[in-house]
N, C-alpha and C. Protein backbone atom coordinates (compact mmCIF):
# COMPACT_ATOMS: atom_id res chain seq x y z
N MET A 1 155.13 231.84 115.73
CA MET A 1 155.73 231.81 117.04
C MET A 1 157.29 231.75 117.03
N PRO A 2 157.91 232.50 117.81
CA PRO A 2 159.41 232.43 117.65
C PRO A 2 159.90 231.01 117.85
N LEU A 3 160.88 230.48 117.18
CA LEU A 3 161.47 229.45 117.27
C LEU A 3 161.87 229.10 118.73
N SER A 4 162.47 230.00 119.52
CA SER A 4 162.92 229.84 120.99
C SER A 4 161.60 229.29 121.83
N THR A 5 160.50 229.46 121.48
CA THR A 5 159.46 229.27 122.22
C THR A 5 158.73 228.08 121.84
N GLN A 6 159.21 227.49 120.85
CA GLN A 6 158.69 226.02 120.18
C GLN A 6 159.37 225.10 120.84
N LYS A 7 159.22 223.98 120.18
CA LYS A 7 159.56 222.59 120.65
C LYS A 7 161.38 222.75 120.53
N PRO A 8 161.91 221.88 120.99
CA PRO A 8 163.62 221.85 120.94
C PRO A 8 164.12 222.08 119.60
N GLN A 9 164.92 222.75 119.33
CA GLN A 9 165.57 223.03 117.76
C GLN A 9 166.92 223.03 118.08
N VAL A 10 167.68 222.37 117.10
CA VAL A 10 169.18 222.47 117.12
C VAL A 10 169.59 222.97 115.90
N LEU A 11 170.31 224.08 115.91
CA LEU A 11 170.92 224.81 114.66
C LEU A 11 172.14 223.82 114.04
N VAL A 12 172.31 223.58 112.88
CA VAL A 12 173.71 223.00 112.46
C VAL A 12 174.19 223.89 111.51
N LEU A 13 175.18 224.63 111.98
CA LEU A 13 175.96 225.49 111.05
C LEU A 13 176.78 224.68 110.25
N MET A 14 176.58 224.77 108.71
CA MET A 14 177.06 224.09 107.86
C MET A 14 177.64 224.66 106.68
N GLY A 15 178.52 224.13 105.75
CA GLY A 15 179.05 224.85 104.96
C GLY A 15 180.64 224.17 104.79
N VAL A 16 181.32 224.60 103.57
CA VAL A 16 182.59 224.19 103.46
C VAL A 16 183.55 224.70 104.46
N SER A 17 184.82 224.10 104.65
CA SER A 17 185.73 224.33 105.67
C SER A 17 186.22 225.85 105.29
N GLY A 18 186.20 226.74 106.13
CA GLY A 18 186.74 228.04 106.40
C GLY A 18 185.52 228.92 106.16
N CYS A 19 184.30 228.39 106.09
CA CYS A 19 183.17 229.64 105.93
C CYS A 19 182.81 230.14 107.19
N GLY A 20 183.36 229.87 108.26
CA GLY A 20 183.13 230.51 109.68
C GLY A 20 182.27 229.75 110.49
N LYS A 21 182.02 228.45 110.34
CA LYS A 21 181.10 227.84 111.20
C LYS A 21 181.32 227.88 112.68
N THR A 22 182.45 227.86 113.14
CA THR A 22 182.97 227.63 114.51
C THR A 22 182.90 229.19 115.10
N THR A 23 183.09 229.95 114.52
CA THR A 23 183.18 231.47 114.82
C THR A 23 181.65 231.91 114.96
N VAL A 24 180.84 231.77 114.15
CA VAL A 24 179.53 232.17 114.18
C VAL A 24 178.62 231.50 115.35
N ALA A 25 178.92 229.95 115.17
CA ALA A 25 178.24 229.17 116.28
C ALA A 25 178.64 229.64 117.78
N ALA A 26 179.89 230.05 117.98
CA ALA A 26 180.35 230.39 119.16
C ALA A 26 179.62 231.57 119.56
N ILE A 27 179.69 232.70 118.72
CA ILE A 27 178.77 233.99 118.83
C ILE A 27 177.44 233.43 119.25
N LEU A 28 176.69 232.74 118.58
CA LEU A 28 175.21 232.32 118.78
C LEU A 28 175.26 231.82 120.16
N ALA A 29 175.95 230.69 120.36
CA ALA A 29 176.04 230.23 121.76
C ALA A 29 176.04 231.14 122.89
N GLY A 30 176.97 232.17 122.71
CA GLY A 30 177.03 233.10 123.57
C GLY A 30 175.71 234.10 123.88
N ARG A 31 175.20 234.38 122.61
CA ARG A 31 174.07 235.24 122.77
C ARG A 31 172.77 234.56 123.05
N LEU A 32 172.64 233.29 122.76
CA LEU A 32 171.56 232.58 123.13
C LEU A 32 171.52 231.59 124.40
N SER A 33 172.74 231.48 124.95
CA SER A 33 172.94 230.63 125.95
C SER A 33 172.57 229.07 125.69
N TRP A 34 172.90 228.51 124.43
CA TRP A 34 172.62 227.58 124.05
C TRP A 34 173.84 226.50 124.18
N PRO A 35 173.73 225.15 124.34
CA PRO A 35 174.89 224.08 124.49
C PRO A 35 175.38 224.23 123.03
N PHE A 36 176.85 224.17 122.91
CA PHE A 36 177.39 224.28 121.52
C PHE A 36 178.40 223.17 121.40
N GLU A 37 178.26 222.46 120.34
CA GLU A 37 179.42 221.45 120.04
C GLU A 37 180.21 221.57 118.72
N GLU A 38 181.48 221.59 118.76
CA GLU A 38 182.33 221.61 117.77
C GLU A 38 182.35 220.41 116.83
N GLY A 39 181.56 220.08 115.83
CA GLY A 39 181.42 219.01 115.15
C GLY A 39 182.65 218.21 114.66
N ASP A 40 183.85 219.20 114.58
CA ASP A 40 185.07 218.50 114.23
C ASP A 40 185.73 217.74 115.14
N ALA A 41 185.32 218.15 116.55
CA ALA A 41 185.76 217.26 117.78
C ALA A 41 185.29 216.00 117.60
N LEU A 42 184.13 215.73 116.98
CA LEU A 42 183.64 214.40 116.97
C LEU A 42 184.41 213.30 116.01
N HIS A 43 185.17 213.87 115.09
CA HIS A 43 185.80 213.00 114.03
C HIS A 43 186.74 212.06 114.75
N PRO A 44 186.53 210.86 114.03
CA PRO A 44 187.58 209.80 114.58
C PRO A 44 189.10 210.11 114.38
N PRO A 45 189.82 209.95 115.21
CA PRO A 45 191.27 210.25 114.97
C PRO A 45 191.83 209.87 113.30
N ALA A 46 191.35 208.78 113.00
CA ALA A 46 191.79 208.25 111.41
C ALA A 46 191.28 209.40 110.53
N ASN A 47 190.05 209.95 110.76
CA ASN A 47 189.66 211.00 109.84
C ASN A 47 190.55 212.11 109.78
N ILE A 48 190.78 212.72 111.02
CA ILE A 48 191.62 213.81 111.26
C ILE A 48 193.04 213.69 110.50
N ALA A 49 193.66 212.20 110.72
CA ALA A 49 195.17 212.03 110.15
C ALA A 49 194.87 212.11 108.60
N LYS A 50 193.69 211.61 108.05
CA LYS A 50 193.55 211.68 106.68
C LYS A 50 193.47 213.04 106.00
N MET A 51 192.79 213.77 106.78
CA MET A 51 192.60 215.30 106.17
C MET A 51 193.93 215.98 106.65
N GLU A 52 194.79 215.89 107.64
CA GLU A 52 195.96 216.31 107.73
C GLU A 52 196.90 216.05 106.76
N ALA A 53 196.75 214.63 106.31
CA ALA A 53 197.90 214.30 105.32
C ALA A 53 197.69 214.76 103.68
N GLY A 54 196.30 215.60 103.76
CA GLY A 54 195.76 216.22 102.59
C GLY A 54 194.86 215.42 101.82
N HIS A 55 194.25 214.21 102.25
CA HIS A 55 193.36 213.57 101.48
C HIS A 55 191.89 213.72 101.93
N PRO A 56 191.02 213.96 101.05
CA PRO A 56 189.54 214.30 101.21
C PRO A 56 188.91 213.05 101.94
N LEU A 57 187.89 213.15 102.60
CA LEU A 57 187.17 211.89 103.27
C LEU A 57 186.13 211.43 102.16
N THR A 58 185.81 210.21 102.38
CA THR A 58 185.07 209.56 101.53
C THR A 58 183.73 209.33 102.35
N ASP A 59 182.66 209.19 101.70
CA ASP A 59 181.41 208.81 102.30
C ASP A 59 181.31 207.93 103.44
N GLU A 60 182.28 206.86 103.29
CA GLU A 60 182.45 205.90 104.18
C GLU A 60 183.16 206.13 105.44
N ASP A 61 184.32 207.24 105.16
CA ASP A 61 184.89 207.86 106.26
C ASP A 61 183.91 208.98 107.03
N ARG A 62 183.14 209.61 106.49
CA ARG A 62 182.28 210.59 107.01
C ARG A 62 181.26 209.75 107.80
N ALA A 63 180.77 208.45 107.53
CA ALA A 63 179.59 207.87 108.15
C ALA A 63 179.48 207.93 109.83
N PRO A 64 180.78 207.25 110.36
CA PRO A 64 180.47 207.12 111.72
C PRO A 64 180.74 208.88 112.58
N TRP A 65 181.27 209.71 111.86
CA TRP A 65 181.22 211.12 112.42
C TRP A 65 179.92 211.51 112.24
N LEU A 66 179.13 211.34 111.04
CA LEU A 66 177.86 211.90 110.96
C LEU A 66 176.92 211.26 111.92
N ARG A 67 177.26 210.05 112.15
CA ARG A 67 176.23 209.48 113.29
C ARG A 67 176.52 210.03 114.70
N LYS A 68 177.91 210.30 115.04
CA LYS A 68 177.99 211.22 116.37
C LYS A 68 177.30 212.36 116.28
N VAL A 69 177.28 213.03 115.18
CA VAL A 69 176.51 214.57 114.98
C VAL A 69 175.30 214.09 115.32
N ALA A 70 174.67 213.33 114.62
CA ALA A 70 173.14 213.01 114.67
C ALA A 70 172.67 212.62 116.40
N ASP A 71 173.77 211.83 116.73
CA ASP A 71 173.39 211.34 118.29
C ASP A 71 173.45 212.80 119.09
N TRP A 72 174.30 213.54 118.80
CA TRP A 72 174.39 214.79 119.63
C TRP A 72 173.20 215.65 119.47
N VAL A 73 172.64 215.74 118.41
CA VAL A 73 171.56 216.55 117.89
C VAL A 73 170.27 215.77 118.43
N ASP A 74 170.26 214.44 118.56
CA ASP A 74 169.20 213.71 119.06
C ASP A 74 168.98 213.92 120.74
N GLU A 75 170.19 213.89 121.25
CA GLU A 75 170.39 214.07 122.87
C GLU A 75 169.68 215.38 123.14
N ARG A 76 170.15 216.60 122.53
CA ARG A 76 169.65 217.72 122.74
C ARG A 76 168.21 217.67 122.62
N ILE A 77 167.33 217.40 121.62
CA ILE A 77 166.05 217.20 121.19
C ILE A 77 165.47 216.34 122.51
N ALA A 78 165.75 215.42 122.76
CA ALA A 78 165.22 214.28 123.86
C ALA A 78 165.14 214.97 125.03
N ALA A 79 166.27 215.84 125.44
CA ALA A 79 166.53 216.41 126.63
C ALA A 79 165.53 217.75 126.65
N GLY A 80 164.98 218.08 125.64
CA GLY A 80 164.22 219.26 125.68
C GLY A 80 165.10 220.65 125.44
N GLU A 81 166.18 220.46 125.03
CA GLU A 81 167.01 221.39 125.08
C GLU A 81 167.22 222.00 123.48
N HIS A 82 167.46 223.29 123.42
CA HIS A 82 168.03 223.79 122.04
C HIS A 82 169.68 223.48 122.10
N GLY A 83 170.14 223.48 121.03
CA GLY A 83 171.60 223.56 120.93
C GLY A 83 172.19 224.00 119.48
N LEU A 84 173.46 224.18 119.58
CA LEU A 84 174.17 224.38 118.32
C LEU A 84 175.42 223.41 118.07
N ILE A 85 175.45 223.03 116.80
CA ILE A 85 176.48 222.20 116.35
C ILE A 85 177.12 222.65 115.15
N THR A 86 178.47 222.26 114.94
CA THR A 86 179.26 222.83 113.51
C THR A 86 179.30 221.30 112.90
N CYS A 87 179.04 221.29 111.46
CA CYS A 87 179.01 220.18 110.62
C CYS A 87 179.13 220.53 109.29
N SER A 88 180.01 220.09 108.43
CA SER A 88 179.93 220.73 107.20
C SER A 88 178.95 220.21 106.48
N ALA A 89 178.22 219.18 106.77
CA ALA A 89 176.88 218.61 106.17
C ALA A 89 176.76 218.81 104.72
N LEU A 90 177.78 218.58 103.81
CA LEU A 90 178.06 219.04 102.43
C LEU A 90 176.90 218.11 101.55
N LYS A 91 176.54 217.26 101.88
CA LYS A 91 175.75 216.61 100.97
C LYS A 91 174.33 216.49 101.70
N ARG A 92 173.26 216.21 100.73
CA ARG A 92 171.79 216.13 101.33
C ARG A 92 171.76 214.84 102.06
N SER A 93 172.39 213.98 101.56
CA SER A 93 172.38 212.44 102.34
C SER A 93 172.83 212.78 103.75
N TYR A 94 174.10 213.38 103.76
CA TYR A 94 174.40 213.70 105.29
C TYR A 94 173.50 214.60 106.25
N ARG A 95 172.79 215.60 105.53
CA ARG A 95 171.83 216.16 106.46
C ARG A 95 170.69 215.23 106.74
N GLU A 96 170.44 214.17 105.96
CA GLU A 96 169.42 213.55 106.26
C GLU A 96 169.65 212.53 107.30
N VAL A 97 170.81 212.13 107.48
CA VAL A 97 171.55 211.26 108.62
C VAL A 97 171.30 212.21 109.88
N ILE A 98 171.88 213.40 109.86
CA ILE A 98 171.72 214.37 110.94
C ILE A 98 170.29 214.66 111.43
N ASN A 99 169.47 214.79 110.48
CA ASN A 99 167.84 215.22 110.65
C ASN A 99 167.29 213.85 110.56
N ARG A 100 167.66 212.80 111.21
CA ARG A 100 166.99 211.43 110.90
C ARG A 100 165.57 211.51 111.62
N ARG A 101 165.48 212.29 112.55
CA ARG A 101 164.07 212.30 113.38
C ARG A 101 162.99 213.19 112.34
N GLY A 102 163.59 213.83 111.34
CA GLY A 102 162.55 214.57 110.49
C GLY A 102 162.09 215.81 111.20
N ALA A 103 162.59 216.25 112.23
CA ALA A 103 162.02 217.58 112.76
C ALA A 103 163.05 217.95 113.79
N GLY A 104 163.09 219.31 114.17
CA GLY A 104 163.99 219.60 115.12
C GLY A 104 165.32 220.29 114.96
N VAL A 105 165.32 220.14 113.72
CA VAL A 105 166.85 220.70 113.14
C VAL A 105 166.56 221.74 112.09
N VAL A 106 167.42 222.81 112.08
CA VAL A 106 167.44 223.82 111.25
C VAL A 106 168.91 223.97 110.79
N PHE A 107 169.26 223.77 109.57
CA PHE A 107 170.52 223.71 108.84
C PHE A 107 170.65 225.49 108.57
N VAL A 108 171.91 225.86 108.92
CA VAL A 108 172.13 227.33 108.60
C VAL A 108 173.33 227.26 107.78
N TYR A 109 173.19 227.38 106.58
CA TYR A 109 174.16 227.10 105.45
C TYR A 109 174.96 228.39 105.16
N LEU A 110 176.02 228.54 105.85
CA LEU A 110 177.06 229.72 105.42
C LEU A 110 177.77 229.60 104.15
N HIS A 111 177.21 230.54 103.21
CA HIS A 111 177.54 230.50 101.90
C HIS A 111 178.59 231.57 101.58
N GLY A 112 179.65 231.23 100.63
CA GLY A 112 180.60 231.97 100.45
C GLY A 112 181.14 231.48 99.01
N SER A 113 181.90 232.49 98.23
CA SER A 113 182.49 231.94 97.17
C SER A 113 183.63 231.36 97.38
N ARG A 114 184.30 230.57 96.44
CA ARG A 114 185.54 229.98 96.67
C ARG A 114 186.57 230.64 97.00
N GLU A 115 186.64 231.89 96.29
CA GLU A 115 187.80 232.80 96.32
C GLU A 115 187.71 233.47 97.88
N THR A 116 186.69 233.83 98.39
CA THR A 116 186.54 234.27 99.69
C THR A 116 187.12 233.27 100.83
N ILE A 117 186.39 232.15 100.52
CA ILE A 117 186.81 230.93 101.41
C ILE A 117 188.26 230.70 101.47
N ALA A 118 188.82 230.49 100.11
CA ALA A 118 190.24 230.18 100.09
C ALA A 118 191.01 231.25 100.75
N SER A 119 190.75 232.47 100.69
CA SER A 119 191.64 233.47 101.44
C SER A 119 191.50 233.40 102.81
N ARG A 120 190.46 232.99 103.36
CA ARG A 120 190.38 232.80 104.91
C ARG A 120 191.27 231.58 105.31
N LEU A 121 191.16 230.37 104.42
CA LEU A 121 191.68 229.38 104.76
C LEU A 121 193.43 229.42 104.63
N MET A 122 193.63 230.35 103.81
CA MET A 122 195.24 230.55 103.66
C MET A 122 195.58 231.49 105.05
N ALA A 123 194.74 232.20 105.49
CA ALA A 123 195.17 233.07 106.60
C ALA A 123 194.98 232.14 108.00
N ARG A 124 194.21 230.91 108.11
CA ARG A 124 194.07 230.39 109.01
C ARG A 124 195.00 229.36 109.64
N HIS A 125 195.37 229.40 110.90
CA HIS A 125 196.54 228.37 111.27
C HIS A 125 196.02 227.69 112.40
N GLY A 126 196.66 226.44 112.59
CA GLY A 126 196.26 225.45 113.67
C GLY A 126 195.19 224.57 113.42
N HIS A 127 194.56 224.55 112.19
CA HIS A 127 193.61 223.47 111.79
C HIS A 127 193.87 222.45 111.07
N PHE A 128 193.40 221.07 111.08
CA PHE A 128 193.76 220.24 110.51
C PHE A 128 193.55 220.17 109.12
N MET A 129 192.52 220.85 108.79
CA MET A 129 191.99 221.05 107.25
C MET A 129 192.97 221.93 106.57
N PRO A 130 193.63 221.24 105.48
CA PRO A 130 194.63 222.16 104.85
C PRO A 130 193.69 222.63 103.59
N PRO A 131 194.14 224.04 103.21
CA PRO A 131 193.60 224.63 101.96
C PRO A 131 193.53 223.89 100.88
N SER A 132 194.50 222.87 100.62
CA SER A 132 194.37 221.97 99.35
C SER A 132 193.19 221.31 99.21
N LEU A 133 192.37 220.98 100.43
CA LEU A 133 191.37 220.14 100.46
C LEU A 133 189.96 220.82 99.89
N LEU A 134 190.08 222.28 100.03
CA LEU A 134 188.97 222.97 99.50
C LEU A 134 188.18 222.63 98.26
N ASP A 135 189.07 222.49 97.22
CA ASP A 135 188.20 221.85 95.86
C ASP A 135 187.49 220.89 96.03
N SER A 136 187.85 219.79 96.87
CA SER A 136 187.10 218.55 97.32
C SER A 136 185.88 218.90 97.82
N GLN A 137 185.94 219.77 98.93
CA GLN A 137 184.59 220.47 99.52
C GLN A 137 183.68 220.86 98.67
N PHE A 138 184.10 221.66 97.85
CA PHE A 138 183.31 222.30 96.88
C PHE A 138 182.53 221.16 96.00
N ALA A 139 183.33 220.27 95.61
CA ALA A 139 182.83 219.49 94.75
C ALA A 139 181.80 218.43 95.30
N ASP A 140 181.82 218.10 96.66
CA ASP A 140 180.90 217.29 97.34
C ASP A 140 179.57 218.43 97.69
N LEU A 141 179.64 219.45 97.70
CA LEU A 141 178.75 220.41 98.08
C LEU A 141 177.47 220.52 97.37
N GLU A 142 176.35 220.12 98.13
CA GLU A 142 175.07 220.17 97.59
C GLU A 142 174.18 220.96 98.34
N GLU A 143 174.23 222.36 97.99
CA GLU A 143 173.49 223.21 98.68
C GLU A 143 172.19 222.76 99.10
N PRO A 144 171.50 223.22 100.29
CA PRO A 144 170.49 222.59 100.80
C PRO A 144 169.22 223.16 99.70
N ALA A 145 168.23 222.17 99.48
CA ALA A 145 167.13 222.61 98.46
C ALA A 145 165.96 223.24 99.26
N GLU A 146 165.11 223.59 98.58
CA GLU A 146 163.99 224.51 99.30
C GLU A 146 163.14 223.49 100.07
N ASP A 147 163.10 222.20 99.90
CA ASP A 147 162.36 221.27 100.70
C ASP A 147 162.92 221.02 102.04
N GLU A 148 164.37 221.40 102.16
CA GLU A 148 164.98 221.05 103.42
C GLU A 148 164.75 222.01 104.57
N PRO A 149 164.84 221.99 105.77
CA PRO A 149 164.88 222.97 106.80
C PRO A 149 166.05 223.73 107.00
N ALA A 150 166.19 224.64 106.09
CA ALA A 150 167.66 225.46 105.95
C ALA A 150 167.39 226.73 105.68
N ILE A 151 168.17 227.54 106.16
CA ILE A 151 168.41 229.13 105.83
C ILE A 151 169.70 229.24 105.20
N ARG A 152 169.89 230.17 104.10
CA ARG A 152 171.23 230.43 103.62
C ARG A 152 171.45 231.80 104.01
N VAL A 153 172.77 231.98 104.60
CA VAL A 153 173.43 233.23 105.03
C VAL A 153 174.65 233.41 104.08
N ASP A 154 174.88 234.79 103.66
CA ASP A 154 176.13 234.93 102.84
C ASP A 154 177.08 235.42 103.88
N ILE A 155 178.15 234.71 103.70
CA ILE A 155 179.34 235.05 104.81
C ILE A 155 180.28 236.54 104.61
N GLY A 156 179.66 237.30 103.61
CA GLY A 156 180.27 238.74 103.43
C GLY A 156 180.51 239.44 104.68
N PRO A 157 179.28 239.71 105.51
CA PRO A 157 179.33 240.50 106.69
C PRO A 157 180.36 239.79 107.79
N ALA A 158 180.58 240.86 108.79
CA ALA A 158 181.27 240.06 110.10
C ALA A 158 180.56 239.00 110.74
N PRO A 159 181.35 238.18 111.31
CA PRO A 159 180.72 237.20 112.06
C PRO A 159 179.54 237.40 113.11
N SER A 160 179.82 238.72 113.79
CA SER A 160 178.70 239.22 114.76
C SER A 160 177.58 239.53 113.84
N ALA A 161 177.71 240.01 112.86
CA ALA A 161 176.51 240.57 112.12
C ALA A 161 175.75 239.39 111.60
N LEU A 162 176.69 238.21 111.05
CA LEU A 162 175.85 236.95 110.66
C LEU A 162 175.13 236.41 111.71
N ALA A 163 175.63 236.38 112.93
CA ALA A 163 175.01 235.76 114.04
C ALA A 163 173.58 236.56 114.24
N GLN A 164 173.62 237.90 114.22
CA GLN A 164 172.50 238.87 114.30
C GLN A 164 171.15 238.50 113.13
N THR A 165 171.85 238.38 112.12
CA THR A 165 171.12 237.94 110.96
C THR A 165 170.33 236.65 111.19
N ILE A 166 171.10 235.56 111.79
CA ILE A 166 170.52 234.23 112.07
C ILE A 166 169.27 234.31 113.18
N ILE A 167 169.48 235.16 114.21
CA ILE A 167 168.93 235.26 115.28
C ILE A 167 167.58 235.76 114.70
N GLU A 168 167.79 237.08 113.82
CA GLU A 168 166.36 237.67 113.35
C GLU A 168 165.77 236.83 112.48
N THR A 169 166.26 236.31 111.51
CA THR A 169 165.60 235.41 110.41
C THR A 169 164.87 234.20 111.16
N LEU A 170 165.38 233.66 112.08
CA LEU A 170 164.85 232.42 112.93
C LEU A 170 163.97 232.88 113.98
N GLY A 171 163.92 234.28 114.19
CA GLY A 171 162.99 234.59 115.48
C GLY A 171 163.51 234.19 116.77
N LEU A 172 164.93 234.30 117.14
CA LEU A 172 165.28 233.88 118.25
C LEU A 172 165.49 234.83 119.38
N LYS A 173 164.98 235.87 119.31
CA LYS A 173 165.43 237.00 120.29
C LYS A 173 164.79 236.63 121.63
């Protein structure tokens, strides 16, 4: 049965900074007409200031942000709605917070090499996450395991092609 006719599902576009979460999620939101939340907008000001200053976040820093992401996910599912949200969700423990219901969430892991993502970050302007923090993101990254509700998508193709791959893989037509 296609995902779109099942119980409400929320797609969490995840991966390190610069992998294309926001771009791909916006395309998906447009094609699917699903509510979309930019997860970075849920960060407390102290987190943003810390990252802007070039300091990586700790698990303690991320905890309130992850709860806000999880709350947004829960609100969609409780309302009987599908949804899309971006969140790095770098560690399994973070994904467990987001998927605290144990159902209704699919993590879409946008995978790319450090070199590819570093070149994207160098070309990006106006984002609080400096390229200098990329190594800390890769150090924290725990790719989703087979027992997690996740799909892996390589970021090589154009964002519109990635969105189409996600739609087809999850049966969202």
